[in-house]
Amino acid sequence: MQIRAAGSELTKQGDFGRSVLVVLEGAARVSIEGSVVGDLAPGDLFGEVAVLASGRRTATVVSSTPMVLASFFKTDMWAVEQGNDAFAEELRRLRANYA
């Protein structure tokens, strides 16, 4: 997925989330309840809490630059989890952190 302009809202806190996004190119800013809590760069992922645990986005993410993102939906995560024991173990560990 290509984001062509800075200032594009990628996720909104409180919305339902169905995908995990990975930053391939570009940068984004993360905020919770209006306060900036971090920045994202290539190699970072976001949206995992909604997919793995709560179903709701826990932060708002807005592009700081044009971006290229990869998106993995819940069903993609389940398929990889079923075929890879190490990945499944890591997902269980992440889920425990969000419980």
Protein backbone atom coordinates (compact mmCIF):
# COMPACT_ATOMS: atom_id res chain seq x y z
CA MET A 1 0.00 0.00 0.00
CA GLN A 2 1.34 3.43 -0.90
CA ILE A 3 0.61 6.54 1.12
CA ARG A 4 1.38 9.50 -1.11
CA ALA A 5 1.22 12.39 1.37
CA ALA A 6 2.29 13.28 4.87
CA GLY A 7 -0.61 13.76 7.27
CA SER A 8 -2.58 10.68 6.21
CA GLU A 9 -4.32 8.96 9.10
CA LEU A 10 -3.35 5.28 8.96
CA THR A 11 -5.15 4.11 12.11
CA LYS A 12 -7.47 5.88 14.52
CA GLN A 13 -7.54 5.11 18.23
CA GLY A 14 -10.76 3.30 19.13
CA ASP A 15 -11.57 2.06 15.62
CA PHE A 16 -11.77 -1.66 14.92
CA GLY A 17 -8.59 -3.05 13.42
CA ARG A 18 -8.37 -6.01 11.09
CA SER A 19 -4.77 -5.76 9.92
CA VAL A 20 -1.20 -5.39 11.09
CA LEU A 21 0.80 -2.88 9.07
CA VAL A 22 4.57 -2.95 8.45
CA VAL A 23 6.49 0.17 7.45
CA LEU A 24 8.58 -0.60 4.36
CA GLU A 25 9.43 3.01 3.48
CA GLY A 26 8.75 6.34 5.15
CA ALA A 27 7.86 7.45 8.66
CA ALA A 28 4.80 7.93 10.86
CA ARG A 29 3.92 9.42 14.23
CA VAL A 30 2.03 7.51 16.94
CA SER A 31 -0.27 9.25 19.43
CA ILE A 32 -2.52 8.11 22.24
CA GLU A 33 -5.30 10.41 23.40
CA GLY A 34 -3.68 13.25 21.45
CA SER A 35 -0.19 12.88 22.98
CA VAL A 36 2.69 11.78 20.77
CA VAL A 37 4.18 8.56 22.13
CA GLY A 38 6.54 7.54 19.35
CA ASP A 39 7.62 7.46 15.76
CA LEU A 40 7.69 4.60 13.26
CA ALA A 41 10.37 3.89 10.65
CA PRO A 42 11.09 1.13 8.13
CA GLY A 43 10.94 -2.27 9.80
CA ASP A 44 8.43 -1.19 12.45
CA LEU A 45 4.97 -2.69 12.62
CA PHE A 46 1.76 -1.43 14.18
CA GLY A 47 -1.82 -2.52 14.63
CA GLU A 48 -0.94 -5.80 16.28
CA VAL A 49 -2.89 -5.16 19.49
CA ALA A 50 -6.19 -4.86 17.63
CA VAL A 51 -5.48 -8.01 15.61
CA LEU A 52 -4.10 -10.14 18.45
CA ALA A 53 -6.19 -9.06 21.40
CA SER A 54 -8.76 -6.33 21.67
CA GLY A 55 -10.08 -5.71 18.16
CA ARG A 56 -9.79 -1.94 18.74
CA ARG A 57 -6.93 0.33 17.77
CA THR A 58 -5.02 1.54 20.83
CA ALA A 59 -3.34 4.47 19.06
CA THR A 60 -3.68 6.86 16.16
CA VAL A 61 -0.93 6.65 13.54
CA VAL A 62 -0.42 9.47 11.02
CA SER A 63 2.12 9.45 8.19
CA SER A 64 4.98 11.94 8.56
CA THR A 65 6.20 11.35 5.00
CA PRO A 66 5.00 9.46 1.94
CA MET A 67 5.08 5.76 2.84
CA VAL A 68 4.99 2.21 1.56
CA LEU A 69 3.29 -0.28 3.89
CA ALA A 70 2.66 -4.01 3.89
CA SER A 71 -0.64 -5.16 5.36
CA PHE A 72 -1.38 -8.51 6.98
CA PHE A 73 -4.97 -9.34 7.84
CA LYS A 74 -6.12 -11.46 10.76
CA THR A 75 -6.64 -14.45 8.47
CA ASP A 76 -3.07 -14.05 7.13
CA MET A 77 -1.75 -14.15 10.70
CA TRP A 78 -3.77 -17.28 11.49
CA ALA A 79 -2.49 -19.05 8.35
CA VAL A 80 1.14 -18.30 9.21
CA GLU A 81 0.54 -19.27 12.83
CA GLN A 82 -0.80 -22.69 11.83
CA GLY A 83 2.19 -23.44 9.62
CA ASN A 84 4.99 -22.16 11.87
CA ASP A 85 5.48 -23.29 15.47
CA ALA A 86 8.01 -20.55 16.32
CA PHE A 87 5.70 -17.83 14.98
CA ALA A 88 2.75 -19.33 16.89
CA GLU A 89 4.77 -19.29 20.12
CA GLU A 90 5.72 -15.64 19.60
CA LEU A 91 2.07 -14.71 18.96
CA ARG A 92 1.04 -16.47 22.19
CA ARG A 93 3.67 -14.46 24.06
CA LEU A 94 2.41 -11.20 22.51
CA ARG A 95 -1.21 -12.05 23.30
CA ALA A 96 -0.28 -12.66 26.94
CA ASN A 97 1.24 -9.17 27.11
CA TYR A 98 -2.06 -7.61 25.94
CA ALA A 99 -4.38 -9.70 28.12
